[in-house]
Amino acid sequence: MAAASNVLIGVDIGGTKTAVVAGIAHGKELAIIGRRAFPTDPRARPWRAALRMICQEARSLLNGEAPAGAPAAIGVSCGGPLDSRAGTLLSPPNLPGWDSVPIVEELQQSLGCRTFLQNDANACALAEWRHGAGVGTRNMIFLTFGTGMGAGLILDGRLYEGTNDLGGEVGHLRLAEDGPRGYGKAGSFEGFCSGGGIALLARAEAEKALAAGRAVSFCADRAALESITSRDVGDAAEAGDPLAREVLAVSGRFLGRGLAMLIDVLNPECIVIGSIFVRCRRFLQAAMDEEIAREALPGAARACTVVPARLGDSIGDYACLSVAVDGLEKESQ
C-alpha cells in the first residue's frame, strides 16, 4: 500500500486510556480527522493485546476517515521511562507489566510505516510549540503541572531530549529542605507543583484548621482528609475559600522558584504550563510572579513570558501526531 505522504497516525498511551488519532499535515498546519479510544487497563490487557488493539483502531481510521494509502508516519506519546532512540518503553510506573516493550518495532512491522516515540512531556512540548501557545518561539519550555511535574524543552528550535531521554525531569529538583513529597523527594518541584502535591499541602493545612476548631469548606472532618484532591482545592478557591487560596498561593510561590531556576539556566522566551495552571492561574500567578522577580536574573526574566497551555483537552491528540511530524523532519535533515 503506497504511503499518503500527509496522513499521520498518533498513539497517546496513558495508564487508564489509550487514544489512536488520525491527522493530515498541511505545511505547518495539522488537522485531526479521526479518533478512537479504549481503556488501557494494563492489568487486564497485557501490552501485546493493547498493541493489537492500537493497530486495529489505526486500520479502522485509515479505512474510514483517512485518505487511501498508508500513513507517512506514526507518533507515539507515552509516560516514561523510555528509550526514544531504541523505540522501547522501560517499565512506566502507570503501565505495570509493560517491561522493555519494543513498541516502535512492533508498530512498524504491523502497520508498515516509520514510527517515532517520545515521552508525554516532550510530546506535549512539541504540540504547544507547533500548534499552541509556543508558536513562533525558538526557546520554549513546556511544564505538565498535572498528576506530576515534568518538562519538555525546545531549545534553538529543536526538541532537547538529553543524553538518555532524561532531559526536562524538573519535578525532581529540590526547592526546599522539607515539604510535600513528589518524585520520591520531599520538598521537590513536583511535591509543591502537581495535583498530588497540592492535595498534600491542602491536607496538612486542613488538619491544622480542623484541630483549631475552624471549618474547612473542602474537608468536612478529619476522616475526609485523605480524600482531598487538587480539584477540591481549586473548586474551593473559586468559591472564595481563603484556606484553599492560601494553599494555591504556596504552590504558586514554589512554582515561581522553580521557574526562576529554569529561566536563569535556559534563558527561554516562553514557558507554557498546562493542566492545573490553566485552571487555577489566577490563584497561582501573583505569588509566582513575585518569586520570579525575586529570584531570576532581571534580564532573563524580562525576556520570558509565562503563559497557560492553549490546546486544552486536545493536547494529547496534537502531541502524538506532533511526534510523527518531528520524527520525519529530523530524518529529512
C-alpha atoms as a PDB file:
ATOM      1  CA  MET A   1       0.000   0.000   0.000  1.00  0.00           C
ATOM      2  CA  ALA A   2       1.545   3.315  -1.052  1.00  0.00           C
ATOM      3  CA  ALA A   3       2.014   5.980   1.594  1.00  0.00           C
ATOM      4  CA  ALA A   4      -0.268   9.001   1.677  1.00  0.00           C
ATOM      5  CA  SER A   5       2.516  11.484   2.491  1.00  0.00           C
ATOM      6  CA  ASN A   6       0.434  13.902   4.559  1.00  0.00           C
ATOM      7  CA  VAL A   7      -1.532  11.329   6.585  1.00  0.00           C
ATOM      8  CA  LEU A   8      -0.314  10.609  10.124  1.00  0.00           C
ATOM      9  CA  ILE A   9      -1.343   8.302  12.933  1.00  0.00           C
ATOM     10  CA  GLY A  10      -0.817   9.268  16.567  1.00  0.00           C
ATOM     11  CA  VAL A  11      -0.980   6.993  19.602  1.00  0.00           C
ATOM     12  CA  ASP A  12      -1.399   8.538  23.055  1.00  0.00           C
ATOM     13  CA  ILE A  13      -0.874   5.848  25.732  1.00  0.00           C
ATOM     14  CA  GLY A  14      -1.964   6.626  29.269  1.00  0.00           C
ATOM     15  CA  GLY A  15      -2.346   4.488  32.350  1.00  0.00           C
ATOM     16  CA  THR A  16      -6.130   4.353  32.044  1.00  0.00           C
ATOM     17  CA  LYS A  17      -6.881   5.264  28.422  1.00  0.00           C
ATOM     18  CA  THR A  18      -5.224   4.954  25.027  1.00  0.00           C
ATOM     19  CA  ALA A  19      -6.214   7.136  22.087  1.00  0.00           C
ATOM     20  CA  VAL A  20      -5.433   6.477  18.431  1.00  0.00           C
ATOM     21  CA  VAL A  21      -5.690   9.572  16.233  1.00  0.00           C
ATOM     22  CA  ALA A  22      -5.571  10.248  12.501  1.00  0.00           C
ATOM     23  CA  GLY A  23      -4.387  13.590  11.187  1.00  0.00           C
ATOM     24  CA  ILE A  24      -3.471  15.327   7.960  1.00  0.00           C
ATOM     25  CA  ALA A  25      -0.495  17.687   7.786  1.00  0.00           C
ATOM     26  CA  HIS A  26      -0.763  20.729   5.515  1.00  0.00           C
ATOM     27  CA  GLY A  27       2.531  22.582   5.753  1.00  0.00           C
ATOM     28  CA  LYS A  28       2.713  23.739   9.371  1.00  0.00           C
ATOM     29  CA  GLU A  29      -0.987  23.093   9.939  1.00  0.00           C
ATOM     30  CA  LEU A  30      -2.332  19.864  11.364  1.00  0.00           C
ATOM     31  CA  ALA A  31      -5.951  18.749  11.034  1.00  0.00           C
ATOM     32  CA  ILE A  32      -7.286  15.944  13.216  1.00  0.00           C
ATOM     33  CA  ILE A  33      -9.696  13.877  11.157  1.00  0.00           C
ATOM     34  CA  GLY A  34     -10.495  10.895  13.356  1.00  0.00           C
ATOM     35  CA  ARG A  35     -10.039   9.464  16.817  1.00  0.00           C
ATOM     36  CA  ARG A  36     -10.594   6.172  18.629  1.00  0.00           C
ATOM     37  CA  ALA A  37     -10.068   5.481  22.336  1.00  0.00           C
ATOM     38  CA  PHE A  38     -10.182   2.438  24.575  1.00  0.00           C
ATOM     39  CA  PRO A  39      -9.272   1.611  28.198  1.00  0.00           C
ATOM     40  CA  THR A  40      -5.594   0.760  28.552  1.00  0.00           C
ATOM     41  CA  ASP A  41      -6.276  -1.443  31.598  1.00  0.00           C
ATOM     42  CA  PRO A  42      -2.708  -2.808  31.868  1.00  0.00           C
ATOM     43  CA  ARG A  43      -3.630  -5.449  34.442  1.00  0.00           C
ATOM     44  CA  ALA A  44      -6.424  -6.976  32.379  1.00  0.00           C
ATOM     45  CA  ARG A  45      -4.927  -6.338  28.929  1.00  0.00           C
ATOM     46  CA  PRO A  46      -1.197  -7.193  28.542  1.00  0.00           C
ATOM     47  CA  TRP A  47       0.865  -4.967  26.302  1.00  0.00           C
ATOM     48  CA  ARG A  48       0.709  -7.304  23.301  1.00  0.00           C
ATOM     49  CA  ALA A  49      -3.084  -7.238  23.420  1.00  0.00           C
ATOM     50  CA  ALA A  50      -3.025  -3.444  23.762  1.00  0.00           C
ATOM     51  CA  LEU A  51      -0.785  -3.132  20.710  1.00  0.00           C
ATOM     52  CA  ARG A  52      -3.131  -5.353  18.719  1.00  0.00           C
ATOM     53  CA  MET A  53      -5.982  -3.025  19.699  1.00  0.00           C
ATOM     54  CA  ILE A  54      -3.926   0.020  18.697  1.00  0.00           C
ATOM     55  CA  CYS A  55      -3.253  -1.491  15.268  1.00  0.00           C
ATOM     56  CA  GLN A  56      -6.892  -2.451  14.858  1.00  0.00           C
ATOM     57  CA  GLU A  57      -8.065   1.078  15.627  1.00  0.00           C
ATOM     58  CA  ALA A  58      -5.403   2.586  13.370  1.00  0.00           C
ATOM     59  CA  ARG A  59      -6.510   0.419  10.453  1.00  0.00           C
ATOM     60  CA  SER A  60     -10.124   1.365  11.131  1.00  0.00           C
ATOM     61  CA  LEU A  61      -9.224   5.055  10.926  1.00  0.00           C
ATOM     62  CA  LEU A  62      -7.205   4.539   7.752  1.00  0.00           C
ATOM     63  CA  ASN A  63     -10.040   2.637   6.117  1.00  0.00           C
ATOM     64  CA  GLY A  64     -12.585   5.206   7.188  1.00  0.00           C
ATOM     65  CA  GLU A  65     -11.743   8.864   7.794  1.00  0.00           C
ATOM     66  CA  ALA A  66      -8.254   9.000   6.256  1.00  0.00           C
ATOM     67  CA  PRO A  67      -7.496   9.110   2.523  1.00  0.00           C
ATOM     68  CA  ALA A  68      -6.448   5.843   0.918  1.00  0.00           C
ATOM     69  CA  GLY A  69      -2.867   4.772   1.439  1.00  0.00           C
ATOM     70  CA  ALA A  70      -0.532   4.014   4.298  1.00  0.00           C
ATOM     71  CA  PRO A  71       0.308   6.838   6.702  1.00  0.00           C
ATOM     72  CA  ALA A  72       3.566   8.705   6.357  1.00  0.00           C
ATOM     73  CA  ALA A  73       4.436   8.009   9.979  1.00  0.00           C
ATOM     74  CA  ILE A  74       3.161   7.051  13.400  1.00  0.00           C
ATOM     75  CA  GLY A  75       3.905   9.090  16.517  1.00  0.00           C
ATOM     76  CA  VAL A  76       3.659   7.564  19.988  1.00  0.00           C
ATOM     77  CA  SER A  77       3.391   9.565  23.203  1.00  0.00           C
ATOM     78  CA  CYS A  78       3.720   7.679  26.489  1.00  0.00           C
ATOM     79  CA  GLY A  79       4.837   8.291  30.035  1.00  0.00           C
ATOM     80  CA  GLY A  80       8.454   7.388  30.731  1.00  0.00           C
ATOM     81  CA  PRO A  81      10.880   5.997  31.388  1.00  0.00           C
ATOM     82  CA  LEU A  82      11.586   5.079  27.795  1.00  0.00           C
ATOM     83  CA  ASP A  83      14.339   4.949  25.211  1.00  0.00           C
ATOM     84  CA  SER A  84      13.225   7.052  22.272  1.00  0.00           C
ATOM     85  CA  ARG A  85      16.206   6.087  20.117  1.00  0.00           C
ATOM     86  CA  ALA A  86      15.688   2.351  20.594  1.00  0.00           C
ATOM     87  CA  GLY A  87      11.910   2.795  20.492  1.00  0.00           C
ATOM     88  CA  THR A  88      11.381   0.942  23.752  1.00  0.00           C
ATOM     89  CA  LEU A  89       9.180   1.512  26.791  1.00  0.00           C
ATOM     90  CA  LEU A  90      11.075   0.819  30.018  1.00  0.00           C
ATOM     91  CA  SER A  91       8.523  -0.186  32.670  1.00  0.00           C
ATOM     92  CA  PRO A  92       6.463   3.021  33.008  1.00  0.00           C
ATOM     93  CA  PRO A  93       5.024   3.103  36.554  1.00  0.00           C
ATOM     94  CA  ASN A  94       1.494   3.725  35.265  1.00  0.00           C
ATOM     95  CA  LEU A  95       1.715   0.672  32.972  1.00  0.00           C
ATOM     96  CA  PRO A  96       2.531  -2.352  35.147  1.00  0.00           C
ATOM     97  CA  GLY A  97       3.754  -5.272  33.066  1.00  0.00           C
ATOM     98  CA  TRP A  98       4.926  -3.077  30.182  1.00  0.00           C
ATOM     99  CA  ASP A  99       8.574  -4.012  30.649  1.00  0.00           C
ATOM    100  CA  SER A 100      11.067  -3.392  27.816  1.00  0.00           C
ATOM    101  CA  VAL A 101       8.273  -3.141  25.248  1.00  0.00           C
ATOM    102  CA  PRO A 102       9.704  -2.667  21.699  1.00  0.00           C
ATOM    103  CA  ILE A 103       6.742  -0.552  20.697  1.00  0.00           C
ATOM    104  CA  VAL A 104       8.323   1.150  17.687  1.00  0.00           C
ATOM    105  CA  GLU A 105       9.415  -2.152  16.122  1.00  0.00           C
ATOM    106  CA  GLU A 106       6.027  -3.745  16.785  1.00  0.00           C
ATOM    107  CA  LEU A 107       4.030  -0.884  15.239  1.00  0.00           C
ATOM    108  CA  GLN A 108       6.350  -0.547  12.260  1.00  0.00           C
ATOM    109  CA  GLN A 109       6.012  -4.235  11.459  1.00  0.00           C
ATOM    110  CA  SER A 110       2.232  -4.262  11.926  1.00  0.00           C
ATOM    111  CA  LEU A 111       1.350  -1.027  10.147  1.00  0.00           C
ATOM    112  CA  GLY A 112       4.222  -0.784   7.682  1.00  0.00           C
ATOM    113  CA  CYS A 113       5.458   2.740   8.241  1.00  0.00           C
ATOM    114  CA  ARG A 114       8.026   4.747  10.223  1.00  0.00           C
ATOM    115  CA  THR A 115       7.227   5.063  13.903  1.00  0.00           C
ATOM    116  CA  PHE A 116       8.622   7.507  16.456  1.00  0.00           C
ATOM    117  CA  LEU A 117       8.407   7.563  20.257  1.00  0.00           C
ATOM    118  CA  GLN A 118       8.610  10.366  22.837  1.00  0.00           C
ATOM    119  CA  ASN A 119       7.676  10.736  26.478  1.00  0.00           C
ATOM    120  CA  ASP A 120       4.446  12.616  27.092  1.00  0.00           C
ATOM    121  CA  ALA A 121       6.056  15.849  28.330  1.00  0.00           C
ATOM    122  CA  ASN A 122       8.249  16.093  25.225  1.00  0.00           C
ATOM    123  CA  ALA A 123       5.288  15.275  23.003  1.00  0.00           C
ATOM    124  CA  CYS A 124       3.159  17.988  24.621  1.00  0.00           C
ATOM    125  CA  ALA A 125       6.035  20.444  24.267  1.00  0.00           C
ATOM    126  CA  LEU A 126       6.143  19.731  20.537  1.00  0.00           C
ATOM    127  CA  ALA A 127       2.366  20.192  20.304  1.00  0.00           C
ATOM    128  CA  GLU A 128       2.272  23.547  22.104  1.00  0.00           C
ATOM    129  CA  TRP A 129       5.329  24.750  20.191  1.00  0.00           C
ATOM    130  CA  ARG A 130       3.925  23.826  16.802  1.00  0.00           C
ATOM    131  CA  HIS A 131       0.223  24.471  17.306  1.00  0.00           C
ATOM    132  CA  GLY A 132      -0.396  26.149  20.651  1.00  0.00           C
ATOM    133  CA  ALA A 133       0.938  28.851  22.941  1.00  0.00           C
ATOM    134  CA  GLY A 134       4.569  28.500  21.822  1.00  0.00           C
ATOM    135  CA  VAL A 135       4.107  29.052  18.087  1.00  0.00           C
ATOM    136  CA  GLY A 136       6.850  31.287  16.707  1.00  0.00           C
ATOM    137  CA  THR A 137       9.360  30.744  19.515  1.00  0.00           C
ATOM    138  CA  ARG A 138      12.781  29.099  19.317  1.00  0.00           C
ATOM    139  CA  ASN A 139      13.370  28.560  23.034  1.00  0.00           C
ATOM    140  CA  MET A 140      10.325  27.280  24.889  1.00  0.00           C
ATOM    141  CA  ILE A 141       9.710  25.179  27.990  1.00  0.00           C
ATOM    142  CA  PHE A 142       6.512  23.199  28.498  1.00  0.00           C
ATOM    143  CA  LEU A 143       5.576  22.149  32.045  1.00  0.00           C
ATOM    144  CA  THR A 144       2.947  19.493  32.665  1.00  0.00           C
ATOM    145  CA  PHE A 145       1.775  20.578  36.182  1.00  0.00           C
ATOM    146  CA  GLY A 146      -0.813  17.799  36.345  1.00  0.00           C
ATOM    147  CA  THR A 147      -0.588  14.416  38.027  1.00  0.00           C
ATOM    148  CA  GLY A 148       3.157  15.091  38.135  1.00  0.00           C
ATOM    149  CA  MET A 149       5.581  17.832  37.153  1.00  0.00           C
ATOM    150  CA  GLY A 150       7.761  17.324  34.117  1.00  0.00           C
ATOM    151  CA  ALA A 151       9.105  19.474  31.317  1.00  0.00           C
ATOM    152  CA  GLY A 152       9.615  19.323  27.591  1.00  0.00           C
ATOM    153  CA  LEU A 153      12.409  21.545  26.299  1.00  0.00           C
ATOM    154  CA  ILE A 154      12.506  23.245  22.911  1.00  0.00           C
ATOM    155  CA  LEU A 155      15.988  24.753  22.581  1.00  0.00           C
ATOM    156  CA  ASP A 156      17.250  26.565  19.479  1.00  0.00           C
ATOM    157  CA  GLY A 157      14.221  25.385  17.544  1.00  0.00           C
ATOM    158  CA  ARG A 158      14.600  21.685  18.367  1.00  0.00           C
ATOM    159  CA  LEU A 159      13.328  19.291  20.981  1.00  0.00           C
ATOM    160  CA  TYR A 160      16.062  18.626  23.538  1.00  0.00           C
ATOM    161  CA  GLU A 161      15.859  15.081  24.911  1.00  0.00           C
ATOM    162  CA  GLY A 162      19.109  14.837  26.872  1.00  0.00           C
ATOM    163  CA  THR A 163      21.679  12.052  26.762  1.00  0.00           C
ATOM    164  CA  ASN A 164      19.263   9.248  27.658  1.00  0.00           C
ATOM    165  CA  ASP A 165      15.780  10.790  27.491  1.00  0.00           C
ATOM    166  CA  LEU A 166      16.016  12.366  30.958  1.00  0.00           C
ATOM    167  CA  GLY A 167      16.236  15.984  29.827  1.00  0.00           C
ATOM    168  CA  GLY A 168      13.461  18.016  31.426  1.00  0.00           C
ATOM    169  CA  GLU A 169      12.901  15.963  34.579  1.00  0.00           C
ATOM    170  CA  VAL A 170      12.421  19.171  36.569  1.00  0.00           C
ATOM    171  CA  GLY A 171       9.998  17.590  39.034  1.00  0.00           C
ATOM    172  CA  HIS A 172      12.994  16.035  40.787  1.00  0.00           C
ATOM    173  CA  LEU A 173      14.573  19.411  41.625  1.00  0.00           C
ATOM    174  CA  ARG A 174      14.534  20.114  45.357  1.00  0.00           C
ATOM    175  CA  LEU A 175      13.080  23.544  46.064  1.00  0.00           C
ATOM    176  CA  ALA A 176      13.032  23.317  49.871  1.00  0.00           C
ATOM    177  CA  GLU A 177      14.627  21.190  52.579  1.00  0.00           C
ATOM    178  CA  ASP A 178      11.193  19.949  53.585  1.00  0.00           C
ATOM    179  CA  GLY A 179       7.767  19.905  52.028  1.00  0.00           C
ATOM    180  CA  PRO A 180       5.322  17.648  50.210  1.00  0.00           C
ATOM    181  CA  ARG A 181       6.876  14.552  48.698  1.00  0.00           C
ATOM    182  CA  GLY A 182       6.879  14.225  44.938  1.00  0.00           C
ATOM    183  CA  TYR A 183       9.071  12.279  42.527  1.00  0.00           C
ATOM    184  CA  GLY A 184      10.497  10.425  45.526  1.00  0.00           C
ATOM    185  CA  LYS A 185      11.851  13.585  47.170  1.00  0.00           C
ATOM    186  CA  ALA A 186      10.451  15.780  49.945  1.00  0.00           C
ATOM    187  CA  GLY A 187      10.361  19.469  49.034  1.00  0.00           C
ATOM    188  CA  SER A 188      10.678  18.774  45.311  1.00  0.00           C
ATOM    189  CA  PHE A 189       9.254  20.824  42.460  1.00  0.00           C
ATOM    190  CA  GLU A 190       6.725  18.047  41.870  1.00  0.00           C
ATOM    191  CA  GLY A 191       5.954  17.959  45.588  1.00  0.00           C
ATOM    192  CA  PHE A 192       4.824  21.578  45.556  1.00  0.00           C
ATOM    193  CA  CYS A 193       3.523  21.829  41.991  1.00  0.00           C
ATOM    194  CA  SER A 194       1.406  18.836  40.994  1.00  0.00           C
ATOM    195  CA  GLY A 195      -2.054  17.532  41.695  1.00  0.00           C
ATOM    196  CA  GLY A 196      -0.751  15.180  44.357  1.00  0.00           C
ATOM    197  CA  GLY A 197       1.446  17.864  45.875  1.00  0.00           C
ATOM    198  CA  ILE A 198      -1.350  20.394  46.172  1.00  0.00           C
ATOM    199  CA  ALA A 199      -3.522  17.731  47.793  1.00  0.00           C
ATOM    200  CA  LEU A 200      -0.769  17.054  50.350  1.00  0.00           C
ATOM    201  CA  LEU A 201      -0.411  20.773  51.099  1.00  0.00           C
ATOM    202  CA  ALA A 202      -4.177  21.087  51.494  1.00  0.00           C
ATOM    203  CA  ARG A 203      -4.422  18.069  53.807  1.00  0.00           C
ATOM    204  CA  ALA A 204      -1.751  19.485  56.111  1.00  0.00           C
ATOM    205  CA  GLU A 205      -3.438  22.891  56.279  1.00  0.00           C
ATOM    206  CA  ALA A 206      -6.915  21.420  56.684  1.00  0.00           C
ATOM    207  CA  GLU A 207      -5.718  19.203  59.521  1.00  0.00           C
ATOM    208  CA  LYS A 208      -4.338  22.225  61.369  1.00  0.00           C
ATOM    209  CA  ALA A 209      -7.533  24.197  60.800  1.00  0.00           C
ATOM    210  CA  LEU A 210      -9.784  21.363  61.981  1.00  0.00           C
ATOM    211  CA  ALA A 211      -7.620  20.831  65.065  1.00  0.00           C
ATOM    212  CA  ALA A 212      -8.098  24.508  65.891  1.00  0.00           C
ATOM    213  CA  GLY A 213     -11.856  24.151  65.553  1.00  0.00           C
ATOM    214  CA  ARG A 214     -12.166  26.007  62.262  1.00  0.00           C
ATOM    215  CA  ALA A 215     -14.440  24.778  59.475  1.00  0.00           C
ATOM    216  CA  VAL A 216     -12.862  23.826  56.152  1.00  0.00           C
ATOM    217  CA  SER A 217     -15.147  24.025  53.141  1.00  0.00           C
ATOM    218  CA  PHE A 218     -13.277  21.349  51.173  1.00  0.00           C
ATOM    219  CA  CYS A 219     -12.947  18.889  54.086  1.00  0.00           C
ATOM    220  CA  ALA A 220     -15.838  18.120  56.433  1.00  0.00           C
ATOM    221  CA  ASP A 221     -13.801  16.351  59.126  1.00  0.00           C
ATOM    222  CA  ARG A 222     -10.526  14.543  59.830  1.00  0.00           C
ATOM    223  CA  ALA A 223     -11.887  11.334  58.321  1.00  0.00           C
ATOM    224  CA  ALA A 224     -12.112  13.123  54.976  1.00  0.00           C
ATOM    225  CA  LEU A 225      -8.513  14.402  54.941  1.00  0.00           C
ATOM    226  CA  GLU A 226      -7.131  11.618  52.740  1.00  0.00           C
ATOM    227  CA  SER A 227      -9.814  12.155  50.118  1.00  0.00           C
ATOM    228  CA  ILE A 228      -8.895  15.803  49.422  1.00  0.00           C
ATOM    229  CA  THR A 229      -7.843  16.358  45.797  1.00  0.00           C
ATOM    230  CA  SER A 230      -6.319  19.299  43.969  1.00  0.00           C
ATOM    231  CA  ARG A 231      -9.611  19.744  42.143  1.00  0.00           C
ATOM    232  CA  ASP A 232     -11.382  20.114  45.505  1.00  0.00           C
ATOM    233  CA  VAL A 233      -8.892  22.845  46.383  1.00  0.00           C
ATOM    234  CA  GLY A 234      -9.361  24.614  43.064  1.00  0.00           C
ATOM    235  CA  ASP A 235     -13.143  24.485  43.332  1.00  0.00           C
ATOM    236  CA  ALA A 236     -12.997  25.839  46.894  1.00  0.00           C
ATOM    237  CA  ALA A 237     -10.677  28.647  45.806  1.00  0.00           C
ATOM    238  CA  GLU A 238     -13.126  29.586  43.043  1.00  0.00           C
ATOM    239  CA  ALA A 239     -15.872  29.718  45.676  1.00  0.00           C
ATOM    240  CA  GLY A 240     -13.792  32.128  47.773  1.00  0.00           C
ATOM    241  CA  ASP A 241     -12.355  29.810  50.431  1.00  0.00           C
ATOM    242  CA  PRO A 242      -9.341  31.627  51.960  1.00  0.00           C
ATOM    243  CA  LEU A 243      -7.540  28.461  53.051  1.00  0.00           C
ATOM    244  CA  ALA A 244      -7.770  26.951  49.560  1.00  0.00           C
ATOM    245  CA  ARG A 245      -6.450  30.186  48.093  1.00  0.00           C
ATOM    246  CA  GLU A 246      -3.548  30.179  50.548  1.00  0.00           C
ATOM    247  CA  VAL A 247      -2.661  26.604  49.587  1.00  0.00           C
ATOM    248  CA  LEU A 248      -2.567  27.603  45.923  1.00  0.00           C
ATOM    249  CA  ALA A 249      -0.508  30.681  46.765  1.00  0.00           C
ATOM    250  CA  VAL A 250       2.083  28.424  48.416  1.00  0.00           C
ATOM    251  CA  SER A 251       2.153  26.261  45.306  1.00  0.00           C
ATOM    252  CA  GLY A 252       2.446  29.403  43.184  1.00  0.00           C
ATOM    253  CA  ARG A 253       5.393  30.647  45.217  1.00  0.00           C
ATOM    254  CA  PHE A 254       7.310  27.424  44.682  1.00  0.00           C
ATOM    255  CA  LEU A 255       6.258  27.383  41.046  1.00  0.00           C
ATOM    256  CA  GLY A 256       7.931  30.765  40.704  1.00  0.00           C
ATOM    257  CA  ARG A 257      11.028  29.469  42.455  1.00  0.00           C
ATOM    258  CA  GLY A 258      11.309  26.554  40.054  1.00  0.00           C
ATOM    259  CA  LEU A 259      10.651  28.753  37.039  1.00  0.00           C
ATOM    260  CA  ALA A 260      13.347  31.197  38.142  1.00  0.00           C
ATOM    261  CA  MET A 261      15.884  28.355  38.037  1.00  0.00           C
ATOM    262  CA  LEU A 262      14.792  27.386  34.536  1.00  0.00           C
ATOM    263  CA  ILE A 263      14.817  31.000  33.382  1.00  0.00           C
ATOM    264  CA  ASP A 264      18.363  31.539  34.675  1.00  0.00           C
ATOM    265  CA  VAL A 265      19.749  28.283  33.250  1.00  0.00           C
ATOM    266  CA  LEU A 266      17.956  28.088  29.894  1.00  0.00           C
ATOM    267  CA  ASN A 267      17.001  31.720  29.140  1.00  0.00           C
ATOM    268  CA  PRO A 268      13.731  30.759  27.359  1.00  0.00           C
ATOM    269  CA  GLU A 269      11.487  33.261  25.637  1.00  0.00           C
ATOM    270  CA  CYS A 270       8.340  31.405  26.685  1.00  0.00           C
ATOM    271  CA  ILE A 271       7.265  28.945  29.388  1.00  0.00           C
ATOM    272  CA  VAL A 272       3.977  27.192  28.680  1.00  0.00           C
ATOM    273  CA  ILE A 273       2.257  25.482  31.623  1.00  0.00           C
ATOM    274  CA  GLY A 274      -0.609  23.027  31.351  1.00  0.00           C
ATOM    275  CA  SER A 275      -3.353  21.408  33.385  1.00  0.00           C
ATOM    276  CA  ILE A 276      -3.653  22.879  36.906  1.00  0.00           C
ATOM    277  CA  PHE A 277      -2.053  26.171  35.854  1.00  0.00           C
ATOM    278  CA  VAL A 278      -4.669  26.582  33.135  1.00  0.00           C
ATOM    279  CA  ARG A 279      -7.497  26.033  35.637  1.00  0.00           C
ATOM    280  CA  CYS A 280      -6.066  27.859  38.660  1.00  0.00           C
ATOM    281  CA  ARG A 281      -3.857  30.531  37.108  1.00  0.00           C
ATOM    282  CA  ARG A 282      -5.427  33.466  38.952  1.00  0.00           C
ATOM    283  CA  PHE A 283      -4.669  31.872  42.328  1.00  0.00           C
ATOM    284  CA  LEU A 284      -1.093  30.931  41.403  1.00  0.00           C
ATOM    285  CA  GLN A 285       0.205  33.809  39.339  1.00  0.00           C
ATOM    286  CA  ALA A 286       0.706  36.629  41.851  1.00  0.00           C
ATOM    287  CA  ALA A 287       2.930  34.536  44.117  1.00  0.00           C
ATOM    288  CA  MET A 288       4.656  33.030  41.080  1.00  0.00           C
ATOM    289  CA  ASP A 289       5.452  36.454  39.610  1.00  0.00           C
ATOM    290  CA  GLU A 290       6.783  37.748  42.938  1.00  0.00           C
ATOM    291  CA  GLU A 291       9.143  34.803  43.279  1.00  0.00           C
ATOM    292  CA  ILE A 292      10.400  35.083  39.698  1.00  0.00           C
ATOM    293  CA  ALA A 293      11.093  38.795  40.256  1.00  0.00           C
ATOM    294  CA  ARG A 294      12.968  37.994  43.471  1.00  0.00           C
ATOM    295  CA  GLU A 295      14.983  35.002  42.221  1.00  0.00           C
ATOM    296  CA  ALA A 296      15.602  35.241  38.476  1.00  0.00           C
ATOM    297  CA  LEU A 297      18.116  37.364  36.620  1.00  0.00           C
ATOM    298  CA  PRO A 298      16.180  40.516  35.647  1.00  0.00           C
ATOM    299  CA  GLY A 299      17.247  40.443  32.010  1.00  0.00           C
ATOM    300  CA  ALA A 300      16.333  36.789  31.591  1.00  0.00           C
ATOM    301  CA  ALA A 301      13.010  37.270  33.402  1.00  0.00           C
ATOM    302  CA  ARG A 302      12.087  40.233  31.180  1.00  0.00           C
ATOM    303  CA  ALA A 303      12.790  38.148  28.069  1.00  0.00           C
ATOM    304  CA  CYS A 304      10.469  35.339  29.172  1.00  0.00           C
ATOM    305  CA  THR A 305       6.677  35.187  29.220  1.00  0.00           C
ATOM    306  CA  VAL A 306       4.808  32.572  31.257  1.00  0.00           C
ATOM    307  CA  VAL A 307       1.525  31.516  29.662  1.00  0.00           C
ATOM    308  CA  PRO A 308      -1.108  28.781  30.010  1.00  0.00           C
ATOM    309  CA  ALA A 309      -1.186  25.950  27.501  1.00  0.00           C
ATOM    310  CA  ARG A 310      -3.598  26.643  24.665  1.00  0.00           C
ATOM    311  CA  LEU A 311      -4.558  23.246  23.271  1.00  0.00           C
ATOM    312  CA  GLY A 312      -6.781  22.212  26.188  1.00  0.00           C
ATOM    313  CA  ASP A 313      -8.283  18.746  26.076  1.00  0.00           C
ATOM    314  CA  SER A 314      -6.903  18.228  22.550  1.00  0.00           C
ATOM    315  CA  ILE A 315      -3.264  18.446  23.623  1.00  0.00           C
ATOM    316  CA  GLY A 316      -2.801  14.658  23.781  1.00  0.00           C
ATOM    317  CA  ASP A 317      -4.061  14.266  20.208  1.00  0.00           C
ATOM    318  CA  TYR A 318      -1.816  17.021  18.872  1.00  0.00           C
ATOM    319  CA  ALA A 319       1.079  15.701  20.952  1.00  0.00           C
ATOM    320  CA  CYS A 320       1.256  12.201  19.482  1.00  0.00           C
ATOM    321  CA  LEU A 321       0.778  13.488  15.939  1.00  0.00           C
ATOM    322  CA  SER A 322       3.492  16.102  16.539  1.00  0.00           C
ATOM    323  CA  VAL A 323       5.884  13.292  17.471  1.00  0.00           C
ATOM    324  CA  ALA A 324       5.334  11.847  13.999  1.00  0.00           C
ATOM    325  CA  VAL A 325       5.942  15.202  12.317  1.00  0.00           C
ATOM    326  CA  ASP A 326       9.066  15.855  14.383  1.00  0.00           C
ATOM    327  CA  GLY A 327      10.471  12.413  13.623  1.00  0.00           C
ATOM    328  CA  LEU A 328      10.005  12.816   9.892  1.00  0.00           C
ATOM    329  CA  GLU A 329      11.589  16.263   9.946  1.00  0.00           C
ATOM    330  CA  LYS A 330      14.653  15.010  11.803  1.00  0.00           C
ATOM    331  CA  GLU A 331      15.092  12.188   9.309  1.00  0.00           C
ATOM    332  CA  SER A 332      14.997  14.621   6.407  1.00  0.00           C
ATOM    333  CA  GLN A 333      17.649  16.917   7.857  1.00  0.00           C
END
